[in-house]
């Protein structure tokens, strides 16, 4: 048995995959405690782990959207949204996450700290405490990979001089934006006795092990050329434990699942346009609004059912297409079932996830402000053109091979079989 501390923040779709790993580790007999937001307390307990709320770091107090602390949906531009993520989580809150993490490693013996990949403070604290540091990426890999467009803009690969010039320029802009507070990062590293970094992105690969919870087949280039400590472990396909019961609606028309963000991202107008588009088509629409959107005044056409949630594992075997904001969880579960997608990415990792859906031939993407007419036309193509179903089915075969064994747990247990951890603290 190993004593494992997992650190996690409530960003919506990032939590279920990490808690799935926690549950699997508990089932293997490890002692797992999870330092996480108050809003995740019940989910942590249901995973069989011990919940420890953050004491210094920012956190959501409940599922109430008003307790979200990043609030990137309030930004007027994508650059503004990225700056909020940097200032309110990745860099700005890193010292607080580090304090809480190192305090917990001192309070109770710890063999490894497993942190969600954006919690740089936890990773720095783990290295300072001398324990095994493992980062979990619950979606696509955001680090620098030769031949892959820079993360954040949803760019498609282009292997010509125009594409290379585009990627260099995009990388320069991204680095300049993320590294605006590099001095703050390097001060924190110095506090914990660690060498400085040239870029915030370089820190993503510093942990002893980086586990990416997606299929390498979904990544551009098949996930090749990543750093040696970055390992693809396949996705976690468990349903969140808060979904409701569901039964197949009557009729024979194509079933279209609509799954948009579980956190607030200003998705209300998008949901209304999607519902309008479904109402104009010969389909059966199932719209899951999630916990952050109140559908009380949303009128449903006769062929559309609107619910708060439904278990994807039950719906997807019957679905003919999925409309989504391109959150990784929804996308990878649809692909695991061989279901093509129409993506309307809003922000965060969604544009890059949508680009990969298009890249593997499993669907289309539109801008998030697309009209209901455009949505209906694109959905008609996804439903009517066999190539999109074929692309999704190719991905389903790759994902089935990935999830045959729990590679994430195997990697963690292998890492814990190394030298015994040493006790240490910040400089």
Protein backbone atom coordinates (compact mmCIF):
# COMPACT_ATOMS: atom_id res chain seq x y z
CA UNK A 1 0.00 0.00 0.00
CA UNK A 2 1.24 3.48 -0.91
CA UNK A 3 0.17 6.74 0.70
CA UNK A 4 -0.99 8.98 -2.11
CA UNK A 5 -2.04 12.63 -2.07
CA UNK A 6 -4.04 13.80 -5.10
CA UNK A 7 -4.51 17.53 -5.66
CA UNK A 8 -7.42 18.70 -7.78
CA UNK A 9 -9.35 21.86 -8.65
CA UNK A 10 -12.97 21.96 -9.80
CA UNK A 11 -12.85 22.94 -13.45
CA UNK A 12 -15.82 20.83 -14.49
CA UNK A 13 -14.80 18.13 -16.94
CA UNK A 14 -11.28 17.82 -15.51
CA UNK A 15 -12.50 16.29 -12.24
CA UNK A 16 -14.21 12.98 -13.22
CA UNK A 17 -11.13 11.49 -14.97
CA UNK A 18 -8.86 12.32 -12.02
CA UNK A 19 -11.37 10.93 -9.51
CA UNK A 20 -11.68 7.81 -11.68
CA UNK A 21 -7.95 7.26 -11.17
CA UNK A 22 -8.40 7.89 -7.44
CA UNK A 23 -11.15 5.26 -7.28
CA UNK A 24 -8.98 2.72 -9.13
CA UNK A 25 -6.08 3.34 -6.74
CA UNK A 26 -8.36 2.87 -3.75
CA UNK A 27 -9.62 -0.38 -5.25
CA UNK A 28 -6.00 -1.51 -5.53
CA UNK A 29 -5.55 -1.02 -1.79
CA UNK A 30 -3.72 2.31 -1.70
CA UNK A 31 -4.39 4.97 0.91
CA UNK A 32 -5.66 7.91 -1.14
CA UNK A 33 -6.55 11.36 0.10
CA UNK A 34 -7.63 14.17 -2.20
CA UNK A 35 -6.89 17.83 -1.55
CA UNK A 36 -9.67 19.48 -3.53
CA UNK A 37 -12.38 22.12 -3.61
CA UNK A 38 -15.27 21.96 -1.16
CA UNK A 39 -17.56 21.46 -4.16
CA UNK A 40 -15.85 18.13 -4.90
CA UNK A 41 -16.14 16.73 -1.37
CA UNK A 42 -19.04 14.36 -2.02
CA UNK A 43 -17.54 13.12 -5.30
CA UNK A 44 -14.22 12.39 -3.58
CA UNK A 45 -15.94 10.41 -0.83
CA UNK A 46 -17.96 8.45 -3.39
CA UNK A 47 -14.65 7.56 -5.08
CA UNK A 48 -13.60 5.94 -1.79
CA UNK A 49 -10.91 8.50 -0.95
CA UNK A 50 -10.57 10.97 1.91
CA UNK A 51 -11.45 14.57 1.10
CA UNK A 52 -9.35 17.46 2.37
CA UNK A 53 -10.52 20.95 1.38
CA UNK A 54 -8.02 23.60 0.42
CA UNK A 55 -7.28 25.95 3.32
CA UNK A 56 -5.22 28.66 1.58
CA UNK A 57 -5.81 28.13 -2.13
CA UNK A 58 -8.91 29.44 -3.93
CA UNK A 59 -11.72 26.95 -4.40
CA UNK A 60 -15.36 26.47 -5.33
CA UNK A 61 -17.49 26.15 -2.24
CA UNK A 62 -20.40 24.41 -3.98
CA UNK A 63 -21.86 23.56 -7.38
CA UNK A 64 -23.45 27.02 -7.45
CA UNK A 65 -21.99 28.77 -10.55
CA UNK A 66 -21.56 31.87 -8.41
CA UNK A 67 -18.70 30.16 -6.53
CA UNK A 68 -16.53 29.67 -9.64
CA UNK A 69 -13.35 31.66 -9.07
CA UNK A 70 -11.67 31.80 -12.50
CA UNK A 71 -14.71 33.17 -14.31
CA UNK A 72 -12.96 33.15 -17.68
CA UNK A 73 -16.40 33.22 -19.30
CA UNK A 74 -16.64 36.88 -18.27
CA UNK A 75 -13.65 37.89 -20.38
CA UNK A 76 -14.40 39.78 -23.59
CA UNK A 77 -11.71 38.10 -25.69
CA UNK A 78 -9.94 34.70 -25.82
CA UNK A 79 -6.72 36.43 -24.73
CA UNK A 80 -8.54 37.86 -21.74
CA UNK A 81 -9.89 34.42 -20.84
CA UNK A 82 -6.39 32.95 -21.00
CA UNK A 83 -5.04 35.75 -18.82
CA UNK A 84 -7.68 34.97 -16.18
CA UNK A 85 -6.70 31.31 -16.19
CA UNK A 86 -3.06 32.34 -15.76
CA UNK A 87 -3.66 34.93 -13.04
CA UNK A 88 -6.36 33.16 -11.04
CA UNK A 89 -5.14 29.55 -11.24
CA UNK A 90 -1.97 28.57 -13.05
CA UNK A 91 0.42 31.27 -11.76
CA UNK A 92 -1.43 33.65 -9.49
CA UNK A 93 -2.69 30.93 -7.14
CA UNK A 94 0.39 28.67 -7.39
CA UNK A 95 1.94 29.86 -4.07
CA UNK A 96 -1.29 29.08 -2.20
CA UNK A 97 -1.61 25.64 -3.80
CA UNK A 98 2.03 24.98 -2.92
CA UNK A 99 1.53 25.95 0.74
CA UNK A 100 -1.50 23.70 1.15
CA UNK A 101 0.24 20.80 -0.59
CA UNK A 102 3.48 20.93 1.39
CA UNK A 103 1.53 21.40 4.62
CA UNK A 104 -0.38 18.20 3.92
CA UNK A 105 2.78 16.23 3.06
CA UNK A 106 4.16 17.27 6.47
CA UNK A 107 0.92 16.50 8.32
CA UNK A 108 0.75 12.92 7.09
CA UNK A 109 3.35 10.64 5.44
CA UNK A 110 3.14 10.84 1.65
CA UNK A 111 4.78 8.64 -0.96
CA UNK A 112 3.55 10.56 -4.01
CA UNK A 113 1.69 13.70 -4.97
CA UNK A 114 -0.52 13.27 -8.02
CA UNK A 115 -1.68 16.67 -9.26
CA UNK A 116 -4.00 17.87 -11.98
CA UNK A 117 -1.65 19.33 -14.57
CA UNK A 118 -2.59 22.99 -14.09
CA UNK A 119 -1.72 22.93 -10.38
CA UNK A 120 1.89 24.00 -10.80
CA UNK A 121 2.08 24.98 -7.13
CA UNK A 122 1.34 21.42 -6.06
CA UNK A 123 3.98 20.07 -8.42
CA UNK A 124 6.59 22.51 -7.14
CA UNK A 125 5.69 21.64 -3.54
CA UNK A 126 5.94 17.89 -4.25
CA UNK A 127 9.44 18.31 -5.66
CA UNK A 128 10.36 20.44 -2.63
CA UNK A 129 9.00 17.77 -0.28
CA UNK A 130 11.11 15.12 -1.97
CA UNK A 131 8.22 12.84 -2.90
CA UNK A 132 7.33 11.34 -6.26
CA UNK A 133 5.55 13.97 -8.35
CA UNK A 134 3.05 12.80 -10.97
CA UNK A 135 1.00 15.14 -13.13
CA UNK A 136 -2.30 14.04 -14.65
CA UNK A 137 -3.47 15.67 -17.88
CA UNK A 138 -7.22 14.88 -18.05
CA UNK A 139 -7.48 15.87 -21.71
CA UNK A 140 -5.12 16.44 -24.64
CA UNK A 141 -1.44 17.17 -24.02
CA UNK A 142 -0.80 20.95 -23.85
CA UNK A 143 3.00 20.91 -23.97
CA UNK A 144 5.33 21.73 -26.82
CA UNK A 145 5.57 18.96 -29.42
CA UNK A 146 7.62 19.30 -32.64
CA UNK A 147 5.36 19.38 -35.68
CA UNK A 148 2.19 20.00 -33.64
CA UNK A 149 0.62 23.49 -33.65
CA UNK A 150 0.95 25.42 -30.38
CA UNK A 151 -1.75 24.67 -27.84
CA UNK A 152 -4.61 27.10 -27.29
CA UNK A 153 -5.72 28.28 -30.71
CA UNK A 154 -7.27 25.15 -32.21
CA UNK A 155 -4.97 25.17 -35.22
CA UNK A 156 -4.86 22.36 -37.77
CA UNK A 157 -1.39 21.02 -38.70
CA UNK A 158 0.19 22.43 -41.86
CA UNK A 159 3.44 20.97 -43.11
CA UNK A 160 4.50 23.80 -45.40
CA UNK A 161 6.38 27.07 -44.96
CA UNK A 162 3.14 28.97 -44.35
CA UNK A 163 2.15 26.55 -41.59
CA UNK A 164 5.58 26.62 -40.01
CA UNK A 165 5.63 30.42 -40.03
CA UNK A 166 2.12 30.48 -38.59
CA UNK A 167 3.11 28.10 -35.81
CA UNK A 168 6.24 30.09 -34.92
CA UNK A 169 4.22 33.27 -34.68
CA UNK A 170 1.47 31.59 -32.65
CA UNK A 171 4.04 30.05 -30.30
CA UNK A 172 5.64 33.44 -29.78
CA UNK A 173 2.30 35.02 -28.90
CA UNK A 174 1.35 32.18 -26.56
CA UNK A 175 4.70 32.23 -24.80
CA UNK A 176 4.53 35.99 -24.37
CA UNK A 177 1.05 35.73 -22.84
CA UNK A 178 1.76 32.81 -20.49
CA UNK A 179 5.20 34.12 -19.48
CA UNK A 180 4.05 37.60 -18.56
CA UNK A 181 4.41 36.48 -14.94
CA UNK A 182 7.48 34.27 -15.32
CA UNK A 183 9.26 36.25 -12.58
CA UNK A 184 6.55 35.19 -10.12
CA UNK A 185 6.98 31.56 -11.15
CA UNK A 186 10.75 31.68 -10.72
CA UNK A 187 10.44 33.28 -7.27
CA UNK A 188 8.22 30.39 -6.22
CA UNK A 189 10.68 27.86 -7.63
CA UNK A 190 13.50 29.54 -5.71
CA UNK A 191 11.44 29.42 -2.50
CA UNK A 192 11.28 25.63 -2.87
CA UNK A 193 14.94 25.23 -3.82
CA UNK A 194 14.40 24.52 -7.51
CA UNK A 195 16.07 25.93 -10.63
CA UNK A 196 14.33 28.64 -12.64
CA UNK A 197 12.39 27.97 -15.82
CA UNK A 198 12.56 29.81 -19.12
CA UNK A 199 8.86 29.35 -19.78
CA UNK A 200 5.72 28.39 -17.88
CA UNK A 201 5.04 25.73 -20.53
CA UNK A 202 8.37 24.05 -19.71
CA UNK A 203 7.13 23.40 -16.17
CA UNK A 204 4.38 21.14 -17.50
CA UNK A 205 7.01 18.45 -18.11
CA UNK A 206 8.99 18.81 -14.86
CA UNK A 207 7.16 16.20 -12.75
CA UNK A 208 8.70 12.75 -12.55
CA UNK A 209 5.84 11.42 -14.65
CA UNK A 210 3.13 13.05 -16.78
CA UNK A 211 0.10 10.87 -17.50
CA UNK A 212 -2.13 11.96 -20.38
CA UNK A 213 -5.66 10.59 -20.11
CA UNK A 214 -6.52 10.44 -23.78
CA UNK A 215 -5.73 8.15 -26.68
CA UNK A 216 -2.46 8.78 -28.48
CA UNK A 217 -4.37 8.01 -31.69
CA UNK A 218 -6.48 11.11 -31.07
CA UNK A 219 -3.44 13.38 -30.97
CA UNK A 220 -1.82 14.93 -34.02
CA UNK A 221 1.11 12.74 -34.99
CA UNK A 222 -0.19 9.85 -32.91
CA UNK A 223 1.24 11.33 -29.73
CA UNK A 224 4.82 10.80 -30.91
CA UNK A 225 7.77 13.07 -30.04
CA UNK A 226 6.50 14.01 -26.58
CA UNK A 227 9.10 14.13 -23.75
CA UNK A 228 10.18 10.74 -22.38
CA UNK A 229 8.38 11.23 -19.07
CA UNK A 230 5.05 11.91 -20.83
CA UNK A 231 2.98 8.74 -21.20
CA UNK A 232 -0.40 8.28 -22.88
CA UNK A 233 -2.67 6.10 -20.74
CA UNK A 234 -5.96 6.20 -22.64
CA UNK A 235 -9.14 7.97 -21.51
CA UNK A 236 -11.33 7.35 -18.48
CA UNK A 237 -14.82 6.56 -19.72
CA UNK A 238 -16.73 6.45 -16.43
CA UNK A 239 -19.91 8.51 -16.15
CA UNK A 240 -19.90 11.27 -13.52
CA UNK A 241 -21.70 10.05 -10.41
CA UNK A 242 -24.27 12.85 -10.57
CA UNK A 243 -26.04 11.82 -13.79
CA UNK A 244 -29.75 10.97 -13.79
CA UNK A 245 -31.61 7.93 -15.13
CA UNK A 246 -32.49 7.91 -18.83
CA UNK A 247 -34.55 5.82 -21.22
CA UNK A 248 -34.56 5.73 -25.02
CA UNK A 249 -37.23 8.07 -26.45
CA UNK A 250 -39.82 6.67 -28.82
CA UNK A 251 -39.34 6.95 -32.56
CA UNK A 252 -36.89 5.89 -35.26
CA UNK A 253 -35.42 9.26 -36.30
CA UNK A 254 -31.68 9.75 -35.65
CA UNK A 255 -30.90 10.39 -31.99
CA UNK A 256 -28.72 13.46 -31.40
CA UNK A 257 -27.15 13.97 -27.98
CA UNK A 258 -26.35 17.57 -27.03
CA UNK A 259 -23.79 17.90 -24.24
CA UNK A 260 -22.40 21.30 -23.38
CA UNK A 261 -20.20 22.47 -20.54
CA UNK A 262 -20.74 21.42 -16.92
CA UNK A 263 -19.31 24.79 -15.87
CA UNK A 264 -20.47 28.27 -16.79
CA UNK A 265 -19.11 29.39 -20.15
CA UNK A 266 -21.91 31.60 -21.38
CA UNK A 267 -23.48 28.65 -23.18
CA UNK A 268 -27.09 29.81 -22.82
CA UNK A 269 -27.46 31.43 -26.27
CA UNK A 270 -25.69 28.45 -27.86
CA UNK A 271 -28.08 25.99 -26.25
CA UNK A 272 -31.06 27.98 -27.56
CA UNK A 273 -29.68 28.00 -31.12
CA UNK A 274 -28.96 24.26 -30.95
CA UNK A 275 -32.49 23.54 -29.73
CA UNK A 276 -33.90 25.67 -32.55
CA UNK A 277 -31.76 23.79 -35.07
CA UNK A 278 -32.92 20.40 -33.77
CA UNK A 279 -36.52 21.54 -33.90
CA UNK A 280 -36.17 22.19 -37.62
CA UNK A 281 -34.90 18.67 -38.39
CA UNK A 282 -36.25 15.13 -38.47
CA UNK A 283 -34.26 13.95 -35.44
CA UNK A 284 -34.81 13.05 -31.82
CA UNK A 285 -32.86 15.55 -29.76
CA UNK A 286 -31.66 14.92 -26.21
CA UNK A 287 -30.22 18.11 -24.69
CA UNK A 288 -28.31 17.76 -21.41
CA UNK A 289 -27.83 21.22 -19.91
CA UNK A 290 -25.51 20.33 -17.03
CA UNK A 291 -25.49 21.78 -13.50
CA UNK A 292 -24.48 25.31 -14.52
CA UNK A 293 -27.42 26.21 -16.79
CA UNK A 294 -31.01 26.71 -15.73
CA UNK A 295 -33.28 25.49 -18.54
CA UNK A 296 -36.45 26.55 -16.78
CA UNK A 297 -37.55 29.01 -19.46
CA UNK A 298 -36.19 27.02 -22.42
CA UNK A 299 -39.06 25.84 -24.61
CA UNK A 300 -38.50 22.46 -26.24
CA UNK A 301 -39.90 21.54 -29.68
CA UNK A 302 -41.88 18.27 -29.75
CA UNK A 303 -38.88 16.29 -31.01
CA UNK A 304 -36.46 17.58 -28.34
CA UNK A 305 -36.12 16.45 -24.73
CA UNK A 306 -34.26 18.73 -22.31
CA UNK A 307 -32.80 17.23 -19.13
CA UNK A 308 -30.23 18.27 -16.56
CA UNK A 309 -28.08 15.20 -17.18
CA UNK A 310 -28.03 11.66 -18.56
CA UNK A 311 -25.40 8.89 -18.39
CA UNK A 312 -23.42 8.98 -21.62
CA UNK A 313 -22.66 5.27 -21.32
CA UNK A 314 -26.39 4.60 -21.69
CA UNK A 315 -27.16 7.22 -24.35
CA UNK A 316 -24.23 6.87 -26.75
CA UNK A 317 -24.93 3.29 -27.93
CA UNK A 318 -28.21 4.66 -29.32
CA UNK A 319 -26.87 8.01 -30.60
CA UNK A 320 -26.24 8.89 -34.23
CA UNK A 321 -24.42 12.17 -33.55
CA UNK A 322 -23.29 14.42 -30.71
CA UNK A 323 -23.33 18.21 -30.58
CA UNK A 324 -20.87 19.54 -28.03
CA UNK A 325 -18.71 22.46 -26.93
CA UNK A 326 -15.81 20.01 -27.47
CA UNK A 327 -14.99 19.29 -23.86
CA UNK A 328 -12.60 16.35 -23.92
CA UNK A 329 -14.80 14.09 -21.77
CA UNK A 330 -17.80 14.28 -24.06
CA UNK A 331 -15.71 14.05 -27.23
CA UNK A 332 -13.67 11.02 -26.21
CA UNK A 333 -16.72 9.12 -24.93
CA UNK A 334 -18.55 9.78 -28.19
CA UNK A 335 -15.54 8.55 -30.17
CA UNK A 336 -15.21 5.49 -27.93
CA UNK A 337 -18.76 4.63 -29.02
CA UNK A 338 -18.04 5.35 -32.69
CA UNK A 339 -20.38 8.39 -32.74
CA UNK A 340 -19.45 11.40 -34.93
CA UNK A 341 -19.54 14.93 -33.58
CA UNK A 342 -20.42 18.53 -34.35
CA UNK A 343 -18.19 20.74 -32.20
CA UNK A 344 -18.81 24.36 -31.18
CA UNK A 345 -15.73 25.10 -29.03
CA UNK A 346 -15.87 28.02 -26.61
CA UNK A 347 -12.47 28.19 -24.88
CA UNK A 348 -9.83 26.47 -22.72
CA UNK A 349 -8.76 23.21 -24.43
CA UNK A 350 -11.91 22.99 -26.54
CA UNK A 351 -10.63 24.54 -29.82
CA UNK A 352 -7.70 22.11 -29.83
CA UNK A 353 -9.93 19.16 -29.04
CA UNK A 354 -12.30 20.17 -31.86
CA UNK A 355 -9.35 20.44 -34.26
CA UNK A 356 -8.44 16.84 -33.45
CA UNK A 357 -12.01 15.69 -34.09
CA UNK A 358 -11.78 17.20 -37.55
CA UNK A 359 -8.25 15.85 -37.97
CA UNK A 360 -9.31 12.26 -37.38
CA UNK A 361 -12.25 12.65 -39.76
CA UNK A 362 -14.87 12.12 -37.05
CA UNK A 363 -16.86 15.32 -37.38
CA UNK A 364 -17.07 19.03 -38.04
CA UNK A 365 -16.60 22.21 -36.06
CA UNK A 366 -18.30 25.59 -36.14
CA UNK A 367 -17.69 28.81 -34.26
CA UNK A 368 -19.62 28.98 -30.98
CA UNK A 369 -21.79 31.81 -32.30
CA UNK A 370 -22.97 29.84 -35.34
CA UNK A 371 -26.60 30.39 -36.30
CA UNK A 372 -29.24 27.72 -35.87
CA UNK A 373 -29.38 27.39 -39.66
CA UNK A 374 -25.63 26.73 -39.84
CA UNK A 375 -25.88 24.23 -36.99
CA UNK A 376 -28.69 22.37 -38.74
CA UNK A 377 -26.79 22.29 -42.03
CA UNK A 378 -23.58 21.00 -40.40
CA UNK A 379 -25.47 18.43 -38.34
CA UNK A 380 -27.13 17.21 -41.54
CA UNK A 381 -23.68 16.61 -43.01
CA UNK A 382 -22.46 14.76 -39.91
CA UNK A 383 -25.54 12.53 -39.97
CA UNK A 384 -25.69 12.06 -43.72
CA UNK A 385 -22.07 11.51 -44.75
CA UNK A 386 -20.77 8.05 -43.89
CA UNK A 387 -17.14 9.23 -43.70
CA UNK A 388 -17.73 10.88 -40.32
CA UNK A 389 -19.15 7.72 -38.80
CA UNK A 390 -16.21 5.80 -40.30
CA UNK A 391 -13.73 8.23 -38.72
CA UNK A 392 -15.40 7.86 -35.34
CA UNK A 393 -15.37 4.07 -35.63
CA UNK A 394 -11.63 4.09 -36.37
CA UNK A 395 -11.11 6.04 -33.18
CA UNK A 396 -13.38 3.64 -31.28
CA UNK A 397 -11.11 0.74 -32.20
CA UNK A 398 -8.01 2.61 -31.00
CA UNK A 399 -9.65 3.65 -27.74
CA UNK A 400 -10.85 0.10 -27.06
CA UNK A 401 -7.23 -1.06 -27.19
CA UNK A 402 -6.16 1.80 -24.88
CA UNK A 403 -8.65 1.01 -22.14
CA UNK A 404 -8.23 -2.76 -22.15
CA UNK A 405 -5.86 -2.35 -19.19
CA UNK A 406 -5.67 0.47 -16.64
CA UNK A 407 -2.41 1.98 -17.86
CA UNK A 408 -2.64 5.02 -15.57
CA UNK A 409 -2.69 2.93 -12.41
CA UNK A 410 0.06 0.68 -13.77
CA UNK A 411 2.27 3.72 -14.46
CA UNK A 412 1.64 5.13 -10.98
CA UNK A 413 2.42 1.86 -9.25
CA UNK A 414 5.61 1.46 -11.30
CA UNK A 415 6.71 4.97 -10.32
CA UNK A 416 6.03 4.20 -6.66
CA UNK A 417 8.24 1.14 -6.83
CA UNK A 418 11.35 3.32 -6.96
CA UNK A 419 13.57 4.61 -4.12
CA UNK A 420 11.86 5.52 -0.86
CA UNK A 421 10.88 9.19 -0.66
CA UNK A 422 12.97 11.54 1.47
CA UNK A 423 11.56 14.11 3.85
CA UNK A 424 12.27 17.72 2.90
CA UNK A 425 10.57 21.09 2.60
CA UNK A 426 10.85 24.45 0.94
CA UNK A 427 14.18 26.23 1.05
